[in-house]
Amino acid sequence: MVKFSLANIGEATAHGPFPVSIFLSNDNIFDTQDQLIKTFTINRIKKNQKKSREIKRKGLPPLDGKFILIVIDPAGVVQEKNLTGNMIVQQILG
């Protein structure tokens, strides 16, 4: 199970729609080797607000030591100057 919240810390409403994708990875680097788990669309997040999501998956291989990557707008649909806040990485510990 993956639970997370996306917060808009910007100065205005973040207008979408924009995709958010969850990947399973062997490392903490987003690349073509990562396995896509789920993609969903966010239509907007108001200034100083959050959107929370939870997903559950069965049938995955052993996950200890792997990484979950949550990538906002992985294909670069939304044009923005600073992309550093567009990825969350968490290692899975047994």
PDB file of N, CA and C in Angstrom:
ATOM      1  N   MET A   1       0.852  -1.169   0.000  1.00  0.00           N
ATOM      2  CA  MET A   1       0.000   0.000   0.000  1.00  0.00           C
ATOM      3  C   MET A   1       0.902   1.238   0.000  1.00  0.00           C
ATOM      4  N   VAL A   2       0.521   2.211  -0.793  1.00  0.00           N
ATOM      5  CA  VAL A   2       1.232   3.487  -0.852  1.00  0.00           C
ATOM      6  C   VAL A   2       0.227   4.575  -0.515  1.00  0.00           C
ATOM      7  N   LYS A   3       0.563   5.396   0.489  1.00  0.00           N
ATOM      8  CA  LYS A   3      -0.247   6.561   0.851  1.00  0.00           C
ATOM      9  C   LYS A   3       0.640   7.788   0.722  1.00  0.00           C
ATOM     10  N   PHE A   4       0.094   8.850   0.137  1.00  0.00           N
ATOM     11  CA  PHE A   4       0.876  10.079   0.025  1.00  0.00           C
ATOM     12  C   PHE A   4      -0.045  11.273  -0.174  1.00  0.00           C
ATOM     13  N   SER A   5       0.516  12.455   0.065  1.00  0.00           N
ATOM     14  CA  SER A   5      -0.188  13.709  -0.156  1.00  0.00           C
ATOM     15  C   SER A   5       0.681  14.608  -1.014  1.00  0.00           C
ATOM     16  N   LEU A   6       0.044  15.287  -1.945  1.00  0.00           N
ATOM     17  CA  LEU A   6       0.722  16.286  -2.771  1.00  0.00           C
ATOM     18  C   LEU A   6       0.289  17.646  -2.266  1.00  0.00           C
ATOM     19  N   ALA A   7       1.240  18.499  -1.947  1.00  0.00           N
ATOM     20  CA  ALA A   7       0.931  19.822  -1.426  1.00  0.00           C
ATOM     21  C   ALA A   7       1.333  20.888  -2.436  1.00  0.00           C
ATOM     22  N   ASN A   8       0.477  21.875  -2.604  1.00  0.00           N
ATOM     23  CA  ASN A   8       0.798  23.020  -3.448  1.00  0.00           C
ATOM     24  C   ASN A   8       1.383  24.099  -2.547  1.00  0.00           C
ATOM     25  N   ILE A   9       2.690  24.265  -2.624  1.00  0.00           N
ATOM     26  CA  ILE A   9       3.359  25.284  -1.813  1.00  0.00           C
ATOM     27  C   ILE A   9       3.655  26.532  -2.636  1.00  0.00           C
ATOM     28  N   GLY A  10       3.091  26.578  -3.842  1.00  0.00           N
ATOM     29  CA  GLY A  10       3.289  27.716  -4.738  1.00  0.00           C
ATOM     30  C   GLY A  10       2.447  28.915  -4.343  1.00  0.00           C
ATOM     31  N   GLU A  11       2.503  29.930  -5.155  1.00  0.00           N
ATOM     32  CA  GLU A  11       1.812  31.190  -4.892  1.00  0.00           C
ATOM     33  C   GLU A  11       0.426  31.263  -5.519  1.00  0.00           C
ATOM     34  N   ALA A  12       0.031  30.232  -6.266  1.00  0.00           N
ATOM     35  CA  ALA A  12      -1.274  30.245  -6.945  1.00  0.00           C
ATOM     36  C   ALA A  12      -1.780  28.814  -7.082  1.00  0.00           C
ATOM     37  N   THR A  13      -3.013  28.672  -7.509  1.00  0.00           N
ATOM     38  CA  THR A  13      -3.584  27.351  -7.758  1.00  0.00           C
ATOM     39  C   THR A  13      -2.787  26.650  -8.862  1.00  0.00           C
ATOM     40  N   ALA A  14      -2.486  25.380  -8.643  1.00  0.00           N
ATOM     41  CA  ALA A  14      -1.829  24.562  -9.664  1.00  0.00           C
ATOM     42  C   ALA A  14      -2.928  23.975 -10.541  1.00  0.00           C
ATOM     43  N   HIS A  15      -3.058  24.504 -11.749  1.00  0.00           N
ATOM     44  CA  HIS A  15      -4.095  24.059 -12.665  1.00  0.00           C
ATOM     45  C   HIS A  15      -3.584  22.912 -13.521  1.00  0.00           C
ATOM     46  N   GLY A  16      -4.390  21.915 -13.677  1.00  0.00           N
ATOM     47  CA  GLY A  16      -4.071  20.760 -14.505  1.00  0.00           C
ATOM     48  C   GLY A  16      -4.913  20.791 -15.755  1.00  0.00           C
ATOM     49  N   PRO A  17      -5.218  19.650 -16.232  1.00  0.00           N
ATOM     50  CA  PRO A  17      -4.884  18.377 -15.597  1.00  0.00           C
ATOM     51  C   PRO A  17      -3.414  18.023 -15.808  1.00  0.00           C
ATOM     52  N   PHE A  18      -2.852  17.349 -14.799  1.00  0.00           N
ATOM     53  CA  PHE A  18      -1.497  16.841 -14.923  1.00  0.00           C
ATOM     54  C   PHE A  18      -1.423  15.453 -14.306  1.00  0.00           C
ATOM     55  N   PRO A  19      -0.595  14.577 -14.893  1.00  0.00           N
ATOM     56  CA  PRO A  19      -0.503  13.209 -14.414  1.00  0.00           C
ATOM     57  C   PRO A  19       0.439  13.074 -13.218  1.00  0.00           C
ATOM     58  N   VAL A  20       0.121  12.109 -12.373  1.00  0.00           N
ATOM     59  CA  VAL A  20       0.993  11.705 -11.274  1.00  0.00           C
ATOM     60  C   VAL A  20       1.166  10.198 -11.424  1.00  0.00           C
ATOM     61  N   SER A  21       2.404   9.746 -11.505  1.00  0.00           N
ATOM     62  CA  SER A  21       2.683   8.331 -11.717  1.00  0.00           C
ATOM     63  C   SER A  21       3.478   7.760 -10.554  1.00  0.00           C
ATOM     64  N   ILE A  22       3.183   6.504 -10.242  1.00  0.00           N
ATOM     65  CA  ILE A  22       3.876   5.793  -9.181  1.00  0.00           C
ATOM     66  C   ILE A  22       4.657   4.651  -9.823  1.00  0.00           C
ATOM     67  N   PHE A  23       5.955   4.609  -9.529  1.00  0.00           N
ATOM     68  CA  PHE A  23       6.838   3.608 -10.103  1.00  0.00           C
ATOM     69  C   PHE A  23       7.511   2.791  -9.011  1.00  0.00           C
ATOM     70  N   LEU A  24       7.842   1.545  -9.336  1.00  0.00           N
ATOM     71  CA  LEU A  24       8.675   0.695  -8.502  1.00  0.00           C
ATOM     72  C   LEU A  24      10.051   0.682  -9.147  1.00  0.00           C
ATOM     73  N   SER A  25      11.099   0.901  -8.338  1.00  0.00           N
ATOM     74  CA  SER A  25      12.449   1.054  -8.881  1.00  0.00           C
ATOM     75  C   SER A  25      13.454   0.270  -8.047  1.00  0.00           C
ATOM     76  N   ASN A  26      14.552  -0.126  -8.682  1.00  0.00           N
ATOM     77  CA  ASN A  26      15.652  -0.769  -7.962  1.00  0.00           C
ATOM     78  C   ASN A  26      16.571   0.245  -7.299  1.00  0.00           C
ATOM     79  N   ASP A  27      16.436   1.522  -7.682  1.00  0.00           N
ATOM     80  CA  ASP A  27      17.273   2.577  -7.114  1.00  0.00           C
ATOM     81  C   ASP A  27      16.445   3.847  -6.950  1.00  0.00           C
ATOM     82  N   ASN A  28      17.069   4.911  -6.546  1.00  0.00           N
ATOM     83  CA  ASN A  28      16.346   6.164  -6.307  1.00  0.00           C
ATOM     84  C   ASN A  28      16.402   7.123  -7.492  1.00  0.00           C
ATOM     85  N   ILE A  29      16.662   6.589  -8.680  1.00  0.00           N
ATOM     86  CA  ILE A  29      16.779   7.395  -9.890  1.00  0.00           C
ATOM     87  C   ILE A  29      15.646   7.040 -10.846  1.00  0.00           C
ATOM     88  N   PHE A  30      14.918   8.045 -11.312  1.00  0.00           N
ATOM     89  CA  PHE A  30      13.816   7.844 -12.255  1.00  0.00           C
ATOM     90  C   PHE A  30      14.376   7.630 -13.651  1.00  0.00           C
ATOM     91  N   ASP A  31      14.151   6.415 -14.201  1.00  0.00           N
ATOM     92  CA  ASP A  31      14.629   6.117 -15.548  1.00  0.00           C
ATOM     93  C   ASP A  31      13.725   5.078 -16.210  1.00  0.00           C
ATOM     94  N   THR A  32      14.076   4.651 -17.409  1.00  0.00           N
ATOM     95  CA  THR A  32      13.233   3.747 -18.190  1.00  0.00           C
ATOM     96  C   THR A  32      13.175   2.332 -17.616  1.00  0.00           C
ATOM     97  N   GLN A  33      14.037   2.011 -16.664  1.00  0.00           N
ATOM     98  CA  GLN A  33      14.031   0.680 -16.054  1.00  0.00           C
ATOM     99  C   GLN A  33      12.959   0.533 -14.975  1.00  0.00           C
ATOM    100  N   ASP A  34      12.338   1.633 -14.560  1.00  0.00           N
ATOM    101  CA  ASP A  34      11.363   1.610 -13.473  1.00  0.00           C
ATOM    102  C   ASP A  34      10.026   1.051 -13.961  1.00  0.00           C
ATOM    103  N   GLN A  35       9.347   0.323 -13.071  1.00  0.00           N
ATOM    104  CA  GLN A  35       8.067  -0.316 -13.395  1.00  0.00           C
ATOM    105  C   GLN A  35       6.914   0.592 -12.993  1.00  0.00           C
ATOM    106  N   LEU A  36       6.099   0.983 -13.959  1.00  0.00           N
ATOM    107  CA  LEU A  36       4.923   1.811 -13.687  1.00  0.00           C
ATOM    108  C   LEU A  36       3.892   0.988 -12.926  1.00  0.00           C
ATOM    109  N   ILE A  37       3.445   1.512 -11.790  1.00  0.00           N
ATOM    110  CA  ILE A  37       2.429   0.855 -10.980  1.00  0.00           C
ATOM    111  C   ILE A  37       1.051   1.447 -11.264  1.00  0.00           C
ATOM    112  N   LYS A  38       0.974   2.773 -11.303  1.00  0.00           N
ATOM    113  CA  LYS A  38      -0.313   3.433 -11.528  1.00  0.00           C
ATOM    114  C   LYS A  38      -0.076   4.889 -11.922  1.00  0.00           C
ATOM    115  N   THR A  39      -0.960   5.403 -12.773  1.00  0.00           N
ATOM    116  CA  THR A  39      -0.984   6.828 -13.116  1.00  0.00           C
ATOM    117  C   THR A  39      -2.402   7.330 -12.899  1.00  0.00           C
ATOM    118  N   PHE A  40      -2.516   8.503 -12.326  1.00  0.00           N
ATOM    119  CA  PHE A  40      -3.813   9.149 -12.183  1.00  0.00           C
ATOM    120  C   PHE A  40      -3.647  10.623 -12.489  1.00  0.00           C
ATOM    121  N   THR A  41      -4.775  11.317 -12.640  1.00  0.00           N
ATOM    122  CA  THR A  41      -4.752  12.718 -13.051  1.00  0.00           C
ATOM    123  C   THR A  41      -5.245  13.611 -11.924  1.00  0.00           C
ATOM    124  N   ILE A  42      -4.539  14.708 -11.712  1.00  0.00           N
ATOM    125  CA  ILE A  42      -4.943  15.756 -10.774  1.00  0.00           C
ATOM    126  C   ILE A  42      -5.434  16.933 -11.617  1.00  0.00           C
ATOM    127  N   ASN A  43      -6.627  17.413 -11.332  1.00  0.00           N
ATOM    128  CA  ASN A  43      -7.156  18.552 -12.097  1.00  0.00           C
ATOM    129  C   ASN A  43      -6.664  19.888 -11.571  1.00  0.00           C
ATOM    130  N   ARG A  44      -6.538  20.004 -10.252  1.00  0.00           N
ATOM    131  CA  ARG A  44      -5.977  21.229  -9.682  1.00  0.00           C
ATOM    132  C   ARG A  44      -5.730  21.016  -8.193  1.00  0.00           C
ATOM    133  N   ILE A  45      -4.803  21.801  -7.677  1.00  0.00           N
ATOM    134  CA  ILE A  45      -4.565  21.869  -6.239  1.00  0.00           C
ATOM    135  C   ILE A  45      -4.493  23.348  -5.890  1.00  0.00           C
ATOM    136  N   LYS A  46      -5.385  23.796  -5.049  1.00  0.00           N
ATOM    137  CA  LYS A  46      -5.392  25.199  -4.654  1.00  0.00           C
ATOM    138  C   LYS A  46      -4.153  25.534  -3.824  1.00  0.00           C
ATOM    139  N   LYS A  47      -3.799  26.795  -3.844  1.00  0.00           N
ATOM    140  CA  LYS A  47      -2.668  27.307  -3.065  1.00  0.00           C
ATOM    141  C   LYS A  47      -2.816  26.877  -1.608  1.00  0.00           C
ATOM    142  N   ASN A  48      -1.736  26.369  -1.015  1.00  0.00           N
ATOM    143  CA  ASN A  48      -1.674  25.918   0.383  1.00  0.00           C
ATOM    144  C   ASN A  48      -2.625  24.767   0.695  1.00  0.00           C
ATOM    145  N   GLN A  49      -3.010  23.977  -0.315  1.00  0.00           N
ATOM    146  CA  GLN A  49      -3.886  22.826  -0.111  1.00  0.00           C
ATOM    147  C   GLN A  49      -3.151  21.542  -0.494  1.00  0.00           C
ATOM    148  N   LYS A  50      -3.745  20.392  -0.124  1.00  0.00           N
ATOM    149  CA  LYS A  50      -3.178  19.083  -0.425  1.00  0.00           C
ATOM    150  C   LYS A  50      -4.204  18.199  -1.114  1.00  0.00           C
ATOM    151  N   LYS A  51      -3.701  17.244  -1.891  1.00  0.00           N
ATOM    152  CA  LYS A  51      -4.495  16.155  -2.455  1.00  0.00           C
ATOM    153  C   LYS A  51      -3.853  14.866  -1.957  1.00  0.00           C
ATOM    154  N   SER A  52      -4.635  14.015  -1.336  1.00  0.00           N
ATOM    155  CA  SER A  52      -4.121  12.749  -0.813  1.00  0.00           C
ATOM    156  C   SER A  52      -4.619  11.591  -1.659  1.00  0.00           C
ATOM    157  N   ARG A  53      -3.779  10.575  -1.776  1.00  0.00           N
ATOM    158  CA  ARG A  53      -4.130   9.373  -2.531  1.00  0.00           C
ATOM    159  C   ARG A  53      -3.597   8.146  -1.787  1.00  0.00           C
ATOM    160  N   GLU A  54      -4.241   7.022  -2.067  1.00  0.00           N
ATOM    161  CA  GLU A  54      -3.818   5.739  -1.512  1.00  0.00           C
ATOM    162  C   GLU A  54      -4.050   4.687  -2.590  1.00  0.00           C
ATOM    163  N   ILE A  55      -3.044   3.841  -2.819  1.00  0.00           N
ATOM    164  CA  ILE A  55      -3.221   2.740  -3.761  1.00  0.00           C
ATOM    165  C   ILE A  55      -2.763   1.451  -3.098  1.00  0.00           C
ATOM    166  N   LYS A  56      -3.363   0.357  -3.522  1.00  0.00           N
ATOM    167  CA  LYS A  56      -2.988  -0.969  -3.038  1.00  0.00           C
ATOM    168  C   LYS A  56      -2.726  -1.848  -4.246  1.00  0.00           C
ATOM    169  N   ARG A  57      -1.688  -2.660  -4.166  1.00  0.00           N
ATOM    170  CA  ARG A  57      -1.358  -3.591  -5.244  1.00  0.00           C
ATOM    171  C   ARG A  57      -1.004  -4.942  -4.640  1.00  0.00           C
ATOM    172  N   LYS A  58      -1.457  -6.005  -5.283  1.00  0.00           N
ATOM    173  CA  LYS A  58      -1.100  -7.372  -4.911  1.00  0.00           C
ATOM    174  C   LYS A  58      -0.305  -7.987  -6.052  1.00  0.00           C
ATOM    175  N   GLY A  59       0.407  -9.048  -5.745  1.00  0.00           N
ATOM    176  CA  GLY A  59       1.103  -9.802  -6.773  1.00  0.00           C
ATOM    177  C   GLY A  59       2.432  -9.224  -7.215  1.00  0.00           C
ATOM    178  N   LEU A  60       3.000  -8.308  -6.436  1.00  0.00           N
ATOM    179  CA  LEU A  60       4.313  -7.761  -6.779  1.00  0.00           C
ATOM    180  C   LEU A  60       5.405  -8.665  -6.212  1.00  0.00           C
ATOM    181  N   PRO A  61       6.601  -8.630  -6.797  1.00  0.00           N
ATOM    182  CA  PRO A  61       7.713  -9.427  -6.267  1.00  0.00           C
ATOM    183  C   PRO A  61       8.119  -8.890  -4.892  1.00  0.00           C
ATOM    184  N   PRO A  62       9.011  -9.594  -4.171  1.00  0.00           N
ATOM    185  CA  PRO A  62       9.492  -9.063  -2.892  1.00  0.00           C
ATOM    186  C   PRO A  62      10.022  -7.633  -3.058  1.00  0.00           C
ATOM    187  N   LEU A  63       9.655  -6.753  -2.130  1.00  0.00           N
ATOM    188  CA  LEU A  63       9.930  -5.326  -2.299  1.00  0.00           C
ATOM    189  C   LEU A  63      11.012  -4.774  -1.370  1.00  0.00           C
ATOM    190  N   ASP A  64      11.494  -5.567  -0.439  1.00  0.00           N
ATOM    191  CA  ASP A  64      12.484  -5.077   0.515  1.00  0.00           C
ATOM    192  C   ASP A  64      13.707  -4.519  -0.215  1.00  0.00           C
ATOM    193  N   GLY A  65      14.061  -3.275   0.091  1.00  0.00           N
ATOM    194  CA  GLY A  65      15.210  -2.615  -0.519  1.00  0.00           C
ATOM    195  C   GLY A  65      14.904  -1.875  -1.811  1.00  0.00           C
ATOM    196  N   LYS A  66      13.744  -2.100  -2.384  1.00  0.00           N
ATOM    197  CA  LYS A  66      13.356  -1.373  -3.600  1.00  0.00           C
ATOM    198  C   LYS A  66      12.876   0.029  -3.228  1.00  0.00           C
ATOM    199  N   PHE A  67      12.553   0.825  -4.234  1.00  0.00           N
ATOM    200  CA  PHE A  67      12.138   2.208  -4.031  1.00  0.00           C
ATOM    201  C   PHE A  67      10.785   2.450  -4.687  1.00  0.00           C
ATOM    202  N   ILE A  68       9.978   3.280  -4.046  1.00  0.00           N
ATOM    203  CA  ILE A  68       8.767   3.818  -4.647  1.00  0.00           C
ATOM    204  C   ILE A  68       9.095   5.234  -5.094  1.00  0.00           C
ATOM    205  N   LEU A  69       8.802   5.537  -6.355  1.00  0.00           N
ATOM    206  CA  LEU A  69       8.982   6.885  -6.896  1.00  0.00           C
ATOM    207  C   LEU A  69       7.618   7.426  -7.281  1.00  0.00           C
ATOM    208  N   ILE A  70       7.264   8.558  -6.736  1.00  0.00           N
ATOM    209  CA  ILE A  70       6.036   9.245  -7.111  1.00  0.00           C
ATOM    210  C   ILE A  70       6.468  10.453  -7.936  1.00  0.00           C
ATOM    211  N   VAL A  71       6.087  10.451  -9.200  1.00  0.00           N
ATOM    212  CA  VAL A  71       6.572  11.463 -10.134  1.00  0.00           C
ATOM    213  C   VAL A  71       5.392  12.285 -10.636  1.00  0.00           C
ATOM    214  N   ILE A  72       5.442  13.571 -10.383  1.00  0.00           N
ATOM    215  CA  ILE A  72       4.411  14.494 -10.848  1.00  0.00           C
ATOM    216  C   ILE A  72       4.792  14.948 -12.249  1.00  0.00           C
ATOM    217  N   ASP A  73       3.872  14.772 -13.181  1.00  0.00           N
ATOM    218  CA  ASP A  73       4.073  15.194 -14.566  1.00  0.00           C
ATOM    219  C   ASP A  73       5.347  14.581 -15.170  1.00  0.00           C
ATOM    220  N   PRO A  74       5.446  13.234 -15.199  1.00  0.00           N
ATOM    221  CA  PRO A  74       6.676  12.598 -15.680  1.00  0.00           C
ATOM    222  C   PRO A  74       7.032  12.894 -17.133  1.00  0.00           C
ATOM    223  N   ALA A  75       6.044  13.204 -17.964  1.00  0.00           N
ATOM    224  CA  ALA A  75       6.311  13.484 -19.384  1.00  0.00           C
ATOM    225  C   ALA A  75       6.526  14.969 -19.663  1.00  0.00           C
ATOM    226  N   GLY A  76       6.434  15.829 -18.623  1.00  0.00           N
ATOM    227  CA  GLY A  76       6.661  17.257 -18.817  1.00  0.00           C
ATOM    228  C   GLY A  76       5.520  17.974 -19.522  1.00  0.00           C
ATOM    229  N   VAL A  77       4.279  17.547 -19.262  1.00  0.00           N
ATOM    230  CA  VAL A  77       3.103  18.172 -19.878  1.00  0.00           C
ATOM    231  C   VAL A  77       2.967  19.623 -19.433  1.00  0.00           C
ATOM    232  N   VAL A  78       3.168  19.882 -18.144  1.00  0.00           N
ATOM    233  CA  VAL A  78       3.060  21.233 -17.594  1.00  0.00           C
ATOM    234  C   VAL A  78       4.429  21.903 -17.672  1.00  0.00           C
ATOM    235  N   GLN A  79       4.485  23.066 -18.292  1.00  0.00           N
ATOM    236  CA  GLN A  79       5.737  23.803 -18.410  1.00  0.00           C
ATOM    237  C   GLN A  79       5.999  24.574 -17.121  1.00  0.00           C
ATOM    238  N   GLU A  80       7.136  24.296 -16.508  1.00  0.00           N
ATOM    239  CA  GLU A  80       7.517  25.010 -15.294  1.00  0.00           C
ATOM    240  C   GLU A  80       9.029  25.131 -15.226  1.00  0.00           C
ATOM    241  N   LYS A  81       9.503  26.128 -14.507  1.00  0.00           N
ATOM    242  CA  LYS A  81      10.931  26.403 -14.433  1.00  0.00           C
ATOM    243  C   LYS A  81      11.657  25.479 -13.475  1.00  0.00           C
ATOM    244  N   ASN A  82      11.017  25.121 -12.348  1.00  0.00           N
ATOM    245  CA  ASN A  82      11.675  24.343 -11.314  1.00  0.00           C
ATOM    246  C   ASN A  82      10.996  22.983 -11.179  1.00  0.00           C
ATOM    247  N   LEU A  83      11.702  21.925 -11.536  1.00  0.00           N
ATOM    248  CA  LEU A  83      11.156  20.569 -11.475  1.00  0.00           C
ATOM    249  C   LEU A  83      11.622  19.803 -10.241  1.00  0.00           C
ATOM    250  N   THR A  84      12.408  20.427  -9.378  1.00  0.00           N
ATOM    251  CA  THR A  84      13.007  19.709  -8.257  1.00  0.00           C
ATOM    252  C   THR A  84      11.986  19.169  -7.267  1.00  0.00           C
ATOM    253  N   GLY A  85      10.808  19.765  -7.169  1.00  0.00           N
ATOM    254  CA  GLY A  85       9.802  19.287  -6.241  1.00  0.00           C
ATOM    255  C   GLY A  85       8.815  18.318  -6.861  1.00  0.00           C
ATOM    256  N   ASN A  86       9.123  17.779  -8.044  1.00  0.00           N
ATOM    257  CA  ASN A  86       8.172  16.945  -8.768  1.00  0.00           C
ATOM    258  C   ASN A  86       8.360  15.445  -8.552  1.00  0.00           C
ATOM    259  N   MET A  87       9.226  15.058  -7.620  1.00  0.00           N
ATOM    260  CA  MET A  87       9.423  13.633  -7.380  1.00  0.00           C
ATOM    261  C   MET A  87       9.611  13.384  -5.882  1.00  0.00           C
ATOM    262  N   ILE A  88       8.967  12.318  -5.422  1.00  0.00           N
ATOM    263  CA  ILE A  88       9.128  11.856  -4.053  1.00  0.00           C
ATOM    264  C   ILE A  88       9.714  10.449  -4.148  1.00  0.00           C
ATOM    265  N   VAL A  89      10.749  10.166  -3.364  1.00  0.00           N
ATOM    266  CA  VAL A  89      11.397   8.850  -3.383  1.00  0.00           C
ATOM    267  C   VAL A  89      11.394   8.304  -1.962  1.00  0.00           C
ATOM    268  N   GLN A  90      10.986   7.039  -1.840  1.00  0.00           N
ATOM    269  CA  GLN A  90      11.000   6.381  -0.520  1.00  0.00           C
ATOM    270  C   GLN A  90      11.464   4.945  -0.697  1.00  0.00           C
ATOM    271  N   GLN A  91      12.485   4.577   0.066  1.00  0.00           N
ATOM    272  CA  GLN A  91      12.947   3.180   0.028  1.00  0.00           C
ATOM    273  C   GLN A  91      12.027   2.319   0.878  1.00  0.00           C
ATOM    274  N   ILE A  92      11.769   1.108   0.406  1.00  0.00           N
ATOM    275  CA  ILE A  92      10.923   0.156   1.119  1.00  0.00           C
ATOM    276  C   ILE A  92      11.825  -0.692   2.007  1.00  0.00           C
ATOM    277  N   LEU A  93      11.553  -0.651   3.282  1.00  0.00           N
ATOM    278  CA  LEU A  93      12.342  -1.415   4.241  1.00  0.00           C
ATOM    279  C   LEU A  93      11.462  -2.486   4.867  1.00  0.00           C
ATOM    280  N   GLY A  94      12.005  -3.701   4.945  1.00  0.00           N
ATOM    281  CA  GLY A  94      11.265  -4.873   5.382  1.00  0.00           C
ATOM    282  C   GLY A  94      10.769  -4.835   6.752  1.00  0.00           C
TER     283      GLY A  94
END
